[in-house]
PDB file of N, CA and C in Angstrom:
ATOM      1  N   MET A   1     -53.178 -59.773   4.438  1.00  0.00           N
ATOM      2  CA  MET A   1     -53.730 -58.403   4.206  1.00  0.00           C
ATOM      3  C   MET A   1     -53.398 -57.745   5.474  1.00  0.00           C
ATOM      4  N   VAL A   2     -52.777 -56.492   5.112  1.00  0.00           N
ATOM      5  CA  VAL A   2     -52.357 -55.650   6.441  1.00  0.00           C
ATOM      6  C   VAL A   2     -53.219 -54.146   6.013  1.00  0.00           C
ATOM      7  N   ASP A   3     -53.552 -53.805   7.270  1.00  0.00           N
ATOM      8  CA  ASP A   3     -54.336 -52.529   7.276  1.00  0.00           C
ATOM      9  C   ASP A   3     -53.629 -51.230   6.616  1.00  0.00           C
ATOM     10  N   PRO A   4     -54.211 -50.118   5.623  1.00  0.00           N
ATOM     11  CA  PRO A   4     -53.426 -49.654   4.773  1.00  0.00           C
ATOM     12  C   PRO A   4     -52.732 -48.622   5.560  1.00  0.00           C
ATOM     13  N   GLU A   5     -53.003 -48.070   6.431  1.00  0.00           N
ATOM     14  CA  GLU A   5     -52.498 -47.392   7.613  1.00  0.00           C
ATOM     15  C   GLU A   5     -51.130 -47.919   8.212  1.00  0.00           C
ATOM     16  N   VAL A   6     -51.393 -49.119   8.806  1.00  0.00           N
ATOM     17  CA  VAL A   6     -50.129 -49.834   9.350  1.00  0.00           C
ATOM     18  C   VAL A   6     -48.834 -49.880   8.091  1.00  0.00           C
ATOM     19  N   VAL A   7     -49.479 -50.508   6.790  1.00  0.00           N
ATOM     20  CA  VAL A   7     -48.358 -50.517   5.646  1.00  0.00           C
ATOM     21  C   VAL A   7     -47.748 -48.971   5.181  1.00  0.00           C
ATOM     22  N   ALA A   8     -48.655 -47.955   5.503  1.00  0.00           N
ATOM     23  CA  ALA A   8     -48.307 -46.484   5.175  1.00  0.00           C
ATOM     24  C   ALA A   8     -47.009 -46.077   6.027  1.00  0.00           C
ATOM     25  N   ALA A   9     -47.116 -46.672   7.287  1.00  0.00           N
ATOM     26  CA  ALA A   9     -46.546 -46.278   8.565  1.00  0.00           C
ATOM     27  C   ALA A   9     -45.132 -47.232   8.261  1.00  0.00           C
ATOM     28  N   LEU A  10     -45.146 -48.544   7.728  1.00  0.00           N
ATOM     29  CA  LEU A  10     -44.148 -49.076   7.691  1.00  0.00           C
ATOM     30  C   LEU A  10     -43.370 -48.796   6.424  1.00  0.00           C
ATOM     31  N   LEU A  11     -43.929 -48.284   5.422  1.00  0.00           N
ATOM     32  CA  LEU A  11     -43.144 -47.755   4.302  1.00  0.00           C
ATOM     33  C   LEU A  11     -42.324 -46.538   4.614  1.00  0.00           C
ATOM     34  N   ASP A  12     -42.717 -45.497   5.271  1.00  0.00           N
ATOM     35  CA  ASP A  12     -42.221 -44.286   6.004  1.00  0.00           C
ATOM     36  C   ASP A  12     -41.316 -44.485   6.914  1.00  0.00           C
ATOM     37  N   ARG A  13     -40.941 -46.034   7.436  1.00  0.00           N
ATOM     38  CA  ARG A  13     -39.925 -46.333   8.178  1.00  0.00           C
ATOM     39  C   ARG A  13     -38.778 -47.140   7.712  1.00  0.00           C
ATOM     40  N   SER A  14     -38.765 -47.460   6.389  1.00  0.00           N
ATOM     41  CA  SER A  14     -38.364 -48.712   5.506  1.00  0.00           C
ATOM     42  C   SER A  14     -36.334 -48.539   5.677  1.00  0.00           C
ATOM     43  N   ASP A  15     -35.988 -49.228   6.254  1.00  0.00           N
ATOM     44  CA  ASP A  15     -34.254 -49.209   6.569  1.00  0.00           C
ATOM     45  C   ASP A  15     -33.360 -50.093   6.115  1.00  0.00           C
ATOM     46  N   SER A  16     -34.215 -51.180   5.334  1.00  0.00           N
ATOM     47  CA  SER A  16     -33.541 -52.116   4.486  1.00  0.00           C
ATOM     48  C   SER A  16     -32.655 -51.483   3.587  1.00  0.00           C
ATOM     49  N   PRO A  17     -31.779 -52.119   3.354  1.00  0.00           N
ATOM     50  CA  PRO A  17     -30.755 -51.872   2.189  1.00  0.00           C
ATOM     51  C   PRO A  17     -31.833 -52.432   0.704  1.00  0.00           C
ATOM     52  N   GLU A  18     -32.346 -53.414   0.544  1.00  0.00           N
ATOM     53  CA  GLU A  18     -33.034 -53.940  -0.297  1.00  0.00           C
ATOM     54  C   GLU A  18     -34.271 -53.143  -0.455  1.00  0.00           C
ATOM     55  N   LEU A  19     -34.864 -52.947   0.373  1.00  0.00           N
ATOM     56  CA  LEU A  19     -36.259 -52.049   0.136  1.00  0.00           C
ATOM     57  C   LEU A  19     -35.710 -50.559   0.123  1.00  0.00           C
ATOM     58  N   ALA A  20     -34.666 -50.220   0.628  1.00  0.00           N
ATOM     59  CA  ALA A  20     -34.046 -48.852  -0.178  1.00  0.00           C
ATOM     60  C   ALA A  20     -34.052 -48.442  -1.580  1.00  0.00           C
ATOM     61  N   GLU A  21     -33.901 -49.722  -2.088  1.00  0.00           N
ATOM     62  CA  GLU A  21     -33.327 -49.917  -3.501  1.00  0.00           C
ATOM     63  C   GLU A  21     -34.608 -49.583  -4.537  1.00  0.00           C
ATOM     64  N   LEU A  22     -35.808 -50.052  -3.979  1.00  0.00           N
ATOM     65  CA  LEU A  22     -36.924 -49.721  -4.536  1.00  0.00           C
ATOM     66  C   LEU A  22     -37.577 -48.418  -5.071  1.00  0.00           C
ATOM     67  N   THR A  23     -37.981 -48.127  -6.127  1.00  0.00           N
ATOM     68  CA  THR A  23     -38.421 -47.097  -6.467  1.00  0.00           C
ATOM     69  C   THR A  23     -39.870 -46.612  -5.956  1.00  0.00           C
ATOM     70  N   ALA A  24     -40.133 -45.339  -5.933  1.00  0.00           N
ATOM     71  CA  ALA A  24     -41.419 -44.932  -5.474  1.00  0.00           C
ATOM     72  C   ALA A  24     -42.173 -45.872  -5.906  1.00  0.00           C
ATOM     73  N   ARG A  25     -42.693 -45.856  -7.058  1.00  0.00           N
ATOM     74  CA  ARG A  25     -43.915 -46.677  -7.814  1.00  0.00           C
ATOM     75  C   ARG A  25     -43.740 -48.023  -7.093  1.00  0.00           C
ATOM     76  N   GLN A  26     -42.388 -48.706  -7.170  1.00  0.00           N
ATOM     77  CA  GLN A  26     -42.169 -50.196  -7.014  1.00  0.00           C
ATOM     78  C   GLN A  26     -42.536 -50.335  -5.291  1.00  0.00           C
ATOM     79  N   ARG A  27     -42.424 -49.186  -4.368  1.00  0.00           N
ATOM     80  CA  ARG A  27     -43.033 -49.127  -3.210  1.00  0.00           C
ATOM     81  C   ARG A  27     -44.633 -49.060  -2.998  1.00  0.00           C
ATOM     82  N   GLU A  28     -44.947 -48.163  -3.917  1.00  0.00           N
ATOM     83  CA  GLU A  28     -46.574 -48.066  -3.870  1.00  0.00           C
ATOM     84  C   GLU A  28     -46.997 -49.446  -4.287  1.00  0.00           C
ATOM     85  N   VAL A  29     -46.556 -50.087  -5.337  1.00  0.00           N
ATOM     86  CA  VAL A  29     -47.326 -51.561  -5.724  1.00  0.00           C
ATOM     87  C   VAL A  29     -46.967 -52.153  -4.319  1.00  0.00           C
ATOM     88  N   LEU A  30     -45.762 -52.285  -3.709  1.00  0.00           N
ATOM     89  CA  LEU A  30     -45.664 -53.284  -2.710  1.00  0.00           C
ATOM     90  C   LEU A  30     -46.683 -52.943  -1.693  1.00  0.00           C
ATOM     91  N   SER A  31     -46.923 -51.536  -1.575  1.00  0.00           N
ATOM     92  CA  SER A  31     -48.075 -51.181  -0.299  1.00  0.00           C
ATOM     93  C   SER A  31     -49.116 -51.850  -0.701  1.00  0.00           C
ATOM     94  N   LEU A  32     -49.460 -51.645  -1.871  1.00  0.00           N
ATOM     95  CA  LEU A  32     -51.098 -52.446  -2.365  1.00  0.00           C
ATOM     96  C   LEU A  32     -51.130 -53.799  -2.281  1.00  0.00           C
ATOM     97  N   MET A  33     -50.016 -54.603  -2.697  1.00  0.00           N
ATOM     98  CA  MET A  33     -49.825 -55.797  -2.707  1.00  0.00           C
ATOM     99  C   MET A  33     -50.041 -56.287  -1.122  1.00  0.00           C
ATOM    100  N   ALA A  34     -49.295 -55.518   0.012  1.00  0.00           N
ATOM    101  CA  ALA A  34     -49.624 -55.697   1.184  1.00  0.00           C
ATOM    102  C   ALA A  34     -50.811 -55.784   1.894  1.00  0.00           C
ATOM    103  N   GLU A  35     -51.675 -54.553   1.254  1.00  0.00           N
ATOM    104  CA  GLU A  35     -53.143 -54.326   1.617  1.00  0.00           C
ATOM    105  C   GLU A  35     -53.733 -55.625   1.055  1.00  0.00           C
ATOM    106  N   GLY A  36     -53.540 -56.604   0.279  1.00  0.00           N
ATOM    107  CA  GLY A  36     -53.819 -57.774  -0.272  1.00  0.00           C
ATOM    108  C   GLY A  36     -54.687 -57.451  -1.588  1.00  0.00           C
ATOM    109  N   ARG A  37     -54.487 -55.988  -2.683  1.00  0.00           N
ATOM    110  CA  ARG A  37     -54.841 -55.874  -3.617  1.00  0.00           C
ATOM    111  C   ARG A  37     -54.344 -56.785  -4.836  1.00  0.00           C
ATOM    112  N   SER A  38     -55.336 -57.101  -5.955  1.00  0.00           N
ATOM    113  CA  SER A  38     -55.001 -57.847  -6.686  1.00  0.00           C
ATOM    114  C   SER A  38     -54.409 -57.083  -7.695  1.00  0.00           C
ATOM    115  N   ASN A  39     -53.904 -57.773  -8.981  1.00  0.00           N
ATOM    116  CA  ASN A  39     -53.263 -56.661 -10.001  1.00  0.00           C
ATOM    117  C   ASN A  39     -54.102 -55.698 -10.463  1.00  0.00           C
ATOM    118  N   ALA A  40     -55.425 -56.001 -10.769  1.00  0.00           N
ATOM    119  CA  ALA A  40     -56.303 -55.313 -11.625  1.00  0.00           C
ATOM    120  C   ALA A  40     -56.579 -54.094 -10.608  1.00  0.00           C
ATOM    121  N   ALA A  41     -56.758 -54.399  -9.283  1.00  0.00           N
ATOM    122  CA  ALA A  41     -57.014 -53.443  -8.284  1.00  0.00           C
ATOM    123  C   ALA A  41     -55.769 -52.069  -8.330  1.00  0.00           C
ATOM    124  N   ILE A  42     -54.822 -53.134  -8.310  1.00  0.00           N
ATOM    125  CA  ILE A  42     -53.254 -51.918  -7.973  1.00  0.00           C
ATOM    126  C   ILE A  42     -53.344 -51.142  -9.172  1.00  0.00           C
ATOM    127  N   ALA A  43     -53.477 -51.519 -10.392  1.00  0.00           N
ATOM    128  CA  ALA A  43     -53.411 -50.855 -11.789  1.00  0.00           C
ATOM    129  C   ALA A  43     -54.685 -49.792 -11.720  1.00  0.00           C
ATOM    130  N   ASP A  44     -55.789 -49.914 -11.185  1.00  0.00           N
ATOM    131  CA  ASP A  44     -56.761 -49.078 -11.260  1.00  0.00           C
ATOM    132  C   ASP A  44     -56.644 -48.172 -10.308  1.00  0.00           C
ATOM    133  N   GLN A  45     -55.942 -48.422  -8.788  1.00  0.00           N
ATOM    134  CA  GLN A  45     -55.293 -47.151  -8.099  1.00  0.00           C
ATOM    135  C   GLN A  45     -54.660 -46.537  -8.729  1.00  0.00           C
ATOM    136  N   LEU A  46     -53.592 -47.146  -9.336  1.00  0.00           N
ATOM    137  CA  LEU A  46     -52.416 -46.308  -9.524  1.00  0.00           C
ATOM    138  C   LEU A  46     -52.558 -45.900 -11.210  1.00  0.00           C
ATOM    139  N   VAL A  47     -53.501 -46.009 -11.880  1.00  0.00           N
ATOM    140  CA  VAL A  47     -53.719 -45.525 -13.151  1.00  0.00           C
ATOM    141  C   VAL A  47     -52.745 -45.954 -14.197  1.00  0.00           C
ATOM    142  N   ILE A  48     -52.633 -47.385 -14.205  1.00  0.00           N
ATOM    143  CA  ILE A  48     -51.387 -47.881 -14.900  1.00  0.00           C
ATOM    144  C   ILE A  48     -52.100 -49.247 -15.387  1.00  0.00           C
ATOM    145  N   SER A  49     -51.466 -49.905 -16.340  1.00  0.00           N
ATOM    146  CA  SER A  49     -52.054 -51.054 -17.002  1.00  0.00           C
ATOM    147  C   SER A  49     -51.668 -52.222 -15.994  1.00  0.00           C
ATOM    148  N   GLU A  50     -52.549 -53.245 -16.150  1.00  0.00           N
ATOM    149  CA  GLU A  50     -52.016 -54.721 -15.173  1.00  0.00           C
ATOM    150  C   GLU A  50     -50.577 -55.199 -15.811  1.00  0.00           C
ATOM    151  N   LYS A  51     -50.264 -54.650 -17.065  1.00  0.00           N
ATOM    152  CA  LYS A  51     -48.712 -55.310 -17.443  1.00  0.00           C
ATOM    153  C   LYS A  51     -47.950 -54.695 -16.760  1.00  0.00           C
ATOM    154  N   ALA A  52     -48.166 -53.422 -16.461  1.00  0.00           N
ATOM    155  CA  ALA A  52     -47.041 -52.285 -15.763  1.00  0.00           C
ATOM    156  C   ALA A  52     -47.120 -52.985 -14.227  1.00  0.00           C
ATOM    157  N   VAL A  53     -48.086 -53.262 -13.850  1.00  0.00           N
ATOM    158  CA  VAL A  53     -48.281 -53.863 -12.145  1.00  0.00           C
ATOM    159  C   VAL A  53     -47.529 -55.092 -11.980  1.00  0.00           C
ATOM    160  N   VAL A  54     -47.556 -55.979 -13.313  1.00  0.00           N
ATOM    161  CA  VAL A  54     -46.552 -57.196 -13.335  1.00  0.00           C
ATOM    162  C   VAL A  54     -45.185 -56.750 -13.483  1.00  0.00           C
ATOM    163  N   LYS A  55     -44.831 -55.805 -14.081  1.00  0.00           N
ATOM    164  CA  LYS A  55     -43.404 -55.494 -14.382  1.00  0.00           C
ATOM    165  C   LYS A  55     -42.855 -55.174 -13.252  1.00  0.00           C
ATOM    166  N   HIS A  56     -43.647 -54.051 -12.469  1.00  0.00           N
ATOM    167  CA  HIS A  56     -42.975 -53.507 -11.163  1.00  0.00           C
ATOM    168  C   HIS A  56     -43.213 -54.568 -10.379  1.00  0.00           C
ATOM    169  N   ALA A  57     -43.871 -55.741 -10.136  1.00  0.00           N
ATOM    170  CA  ALA A  57     -43.895 -56.654  -9.170  1.00  0.00           C
ATOM    171  C   ALA A  57     -42.739 -57.465  -9.305  1.00  0.00           C
ATOM    172  N   SER A  58     -42.467 -57.879 -10.558  1.00  0.00           N
ATOM    173  CA  SER A  58     -41.084 -58.528 -11.165  1.00  0.00           C
ATOM    174  C   SER A  58     -40.043 -57.889 -10.702  1.00  0.00           C
ATOM    175  N   GLN A  59     -39.705 -56.847 -10.894  1.00  0.00           N
ATOM    176  CA  GLN A  59     -38.845 -55.856 -10.713  1.00  0.00           C
ATOM    177  C   GLN A  59     -38.444 -55.969  -8.956  1.00  0.00           C
ATOM    178  N   ILE A  60     -39.737 -55.974  -8.276  1.00  0.00           N
ATOM    179  CA  ILE A  60     -39.483 -55.920  -6.725  1.00  0.00           C
ATOM    180  C   ILE A  60     -39.015 -57.190  -6.522  1.00  0.00           C
ATOM    181  N   TYR A  61     -39.481 -58.535  -7.009  1.00  0.00           N
ATOM    182  CA  TYR A  61     -39.012 -59.778  -6.725  1.00  0.00           C
ATOM    183  C   TYR A  61     -37.254 -59.677  -6.952  1.00  0.00           C
ATOM    184  N   ASP A  62     -37.061 -59.133  -8.179  1.00  0.00           N
ATOM    185  CA  ASP A  62     -35.744 -59.258  -8.370  1.00  0.00           C
ATOM    186  C   ASP A  62     -34.749 -58.333  -7.446  1.00  0.00           C
ATOM    187  N   ARG A  63     -35.334 -57.484  -6.956  1.00  0.00           N
ATOM    188  CA  ARG A  63     -34.643 -56.451  -6.172  1.00  0.00           C
ATOM    189  C   ARG A  63     -34.552 -57.289  -4.504  1.00  0.00           C
ATOM    190  N   LEU A  64     -35.367 -58.063  -4.229  1.00  0.00           N
ATOM    191  CA  LEU A  64     -35.397 -58.724  -3.376  1.00  0.00           C
ATOM    192  C   LEU A  64     -34.782 -59.875  -2.979  1.00  0.00           C
ATOM    193  N   GLY A  65     -34.469 -60.177  -4.337  1.00  0.00           N
ATOM    194  CA  GLY A  65     -33.723 -61.450  -4.589  1.00  0.00           C
ATOM    195  C   GLY A  65     -34.490 -62.682  -4.426  1.00  0.00           C
ATOM    196  N   LEU A  66     -35.895 -62.502  -4.947  1.00  0.00           N
ATOM    197  CA  LEU A  66     -36.603 -63.510  -4.952  1.00  0.00           C
ATOM    198  C   LEU A  66     -37.022 -64.263  -5.951  1.00  0.00           C
ATOM    199  N   SER A  67     -36.210 -65.342  -6.149  1.00  0.00           N
ATOM    200  CA  SER A  67     -36.224 -65.877  -7.583  1.00  0.00           C
ATOM    201  C   SER A  67     -37.430 -67.080  -7.658  1.00  0.00           C
ATOM    202  N   MET A  68     -37.877 -67.170  -9.251  1.00  0.00           N
ATOM    203  CA  MET A  68     -39.144 -68.114  -9.048  1.00  0.00           C
ATOM    204  C   MET A  68     -38.934 -69.278  -8.891  1.00  0.00           C
ATOM    205  N   SER A  69     -39.819 -70.191  -8.038  1.00  0.00           N
ATOM    206  CA  SER A  69     -39.966 -71.368  -7.459  1.00  0.00           C
ATOM    207  C   SER A  69     -41.446 -71.869  -7.455  1.00  0.00           C
ATOM    208  N   GLY A  70     -41.286 -73.268  -7.840  1.00  0.00           N
ATOM    209  CA  GLY A  70     -42.670 -73.787  -8.110  1.00  0.00           C
ATOM    210  C   GLY A  70     -42.902 -74.119  -6.376  1.00  0.00           C
ATOM    211  N   GLU A  71     -41.933 -73.924  -5.394  1.00  0.00           N
ATOM    212  CA  GLU A  71     -42.453 -74.181  -3.836  1.00  0.00           C
ATOM    213  C   GLU A  71     -42.799 -72.784  -3.290  1.00  0.00           C
ATOM    214  N   ASP A  72     -42.733 -71.750  -3.775  1.00  0.00           N
ATOM    215  CA  ASP A  72     -42.766 -70.434  -3.278  1.00  0.00           C
ATOM    216  C   ASP A  72     -43.921 -69.663  -3.830  1.00  0.00           C
ATOM    217  N   HIS A  73     -44.445 -68.822  -3.074  1.00  0.00           N
ATOM    218  CA  HIS A  73     -45.032 -67.706  -3.787  1.00  0.00           C
ATOM    219  C   HIS A  73     -44.424 -66.296  -3.734  1.00  0.00           C
ATOM    220  N   ARG A  74     -43.990 -65.783  -4.804  1.00  0.00           N
ATOM    221  CA  ARG A  74     -43.170 -64.569  -4.400  1.00  0.00           C
ATOM    222  C   ARG A  74     -43.560 -63.646  -3.715  1.00  0.00           C
ATOM    223  N   ARG A  75     -45.027 -63.229  -4.291  1.00  0.00           N
ATOM    224  CA  ARG A  75     -45.654 -62.131  -3.906  1.00  0.00           C
ATOM    225  C   ARG A  75     -45.605 -62.137  -2.310  1.00  0.00           C
ATOM    226  N   VAL A  76     -46.321 -63.316  -1.789  1.00  0.00           N
ATOM    227  CA  VAL A  76     -46.508 -63.215  -0.595  1.00  0.00           C
ATOM    228  C   VAL A  76     -45.038 -63.313   0.006  1.00  0.00           C
ATOM    229  N   LEU A  77     -43.949 -63.649  -0.219  1.00  0.00           N
ATOM    230  CA  LEU A  77     -42.603 -63.837   0.042  1.00  0.00           C
ATOM    231  C   LEU A  77     -42.194 -62.099   0.271  1.00  0.00           C
ATOM    232  N   ALA A  78     -42.583 -61.718  -0.804  1.00  0.00           N
ATOM    233  CA  ALA A  78     -42.112 -59.738  -0.785  1.00  0.00           C
ATOM    234  C   ALA A  78     -42.631 -59.540   0.203  1.00  0.00           C
ATOM    235  N   VAL A  79     -44.026 -59.540   0.314  1.00  0.00           N
ATOM    236  CA  VAL A  79     -44.673 -58.870   1.312  1.00  0.00           C
ATOM    237  C   VAL A  79     -44.181 -59.211   2.679  1.00  0.00           C
ATOM    238  N   ASN A  80     -43.934 -60.344   2.978  1.00  0.00           N
ATOM    239  CA  ASN A  80     -43.589 -61.016   4.290  1.00  0.00           C
ATOM    240  C   ASN A  80     -41.960 -60.235   4.734  1.00  0.00           C
ATOM    241  N   ARG A  81     -41.092 -60.183   3.831  1.00  0.00           N
ATOM    242  CA  ARG A  81     -39.661 -59.883   3.664  1.00  0.00           C
ATOM    243  C   ARG A  81     -39.842 -58.222   3.953  1.00  0.00           C
ATOM    244  N   TYR A  82     -40.582 -57.296   3.121  1.00  0.00           N
ATOM    245  CA  TYR A  82     -40.882 -56.374   3.624  1.00  0.00           C
ATOM    246  C   TYR A  82     -41.301 -56.155   5.206  1.00  0.00           C
ATOM    247  N   LEU A  83     -42.273 -56.793   5.584  1.00  0.00           N
ATOM    248  CA  LEU A  83     -43.010 -56.472   6.940  1.00  0.00           C
ATOM    249  C   LEU A  83     -42.010 -56.837   8.083  1.00  0.00           C
ATOM    250  N   ALA A  84     -40.950 -57.842   7.497  1.00  0.00           N
ATOM    251  CA  ALA A  84     -39.876 -58.595   8.707  1.00  0.00           C
ATOM    252  C   ALA A  84     -38.880 -57.648   8.628  1.00  0.00           C
ATOM    253  N   ARG A  85     -38.570 -57.217   7.729  1.00  0.00           N
ATOM    254  CA  ARG A  85     -37.216 -56.178   7.896  1.00  0.00           C
ATOM    255  C   ARG A  85     -37.805 -54.684   7.939  1.00  0.00           C
ATOM    256  N   THR A  86     -38.656 -54.183   8.365  1.00  0.00           N
ATOM    257  CA  THR A  86     -39.285 -53.051   8.592  1.00  0.00           C
ATOM    258  C   THR A  86     -39.222 -52.927  10.387  1.00  0.00           C
ATOM    259  N   PRO A  87     -38.340 -51.965  10.731  1.00  0.00           N
ATOM    260  CA  PRO A  87     -38.364 -51.875  12.065  1.00  0.00           C
ATOM    261  C   PRO A  87     -39.844 -51.625  12.823  1.00  0.00           C
ATOM    262  N   SER A  88     -40.069 -51.962  13.931  1.00  0.00           N
ATOM    263  CA  SER A  88     -41.158 -51.691  14.752  1.00  0.00           C
ATOM    264  C   SER A  88     -41.316 -50.641  15.285  1.00  0.00           C
TER     265      SER A  88
END
């Protein structure tokens, strides 16, 4: 879980080509994921369905090249990749 202000600052400075391909909504979803929010909480905050959150998350994973694996947690990997690829 990352402080919302830190996440906002990181989103504003995103230089990664992978992250640059994310839509504004996908960035919002990723930001809330980085804050540790559940799909239900993300849906409530963005006034969308949980199904839409799942769809956005899946698209984020695809754009970041995170394939489904029984050994990895794509949600955590997406947030870590986002944080690691964003200049400080």
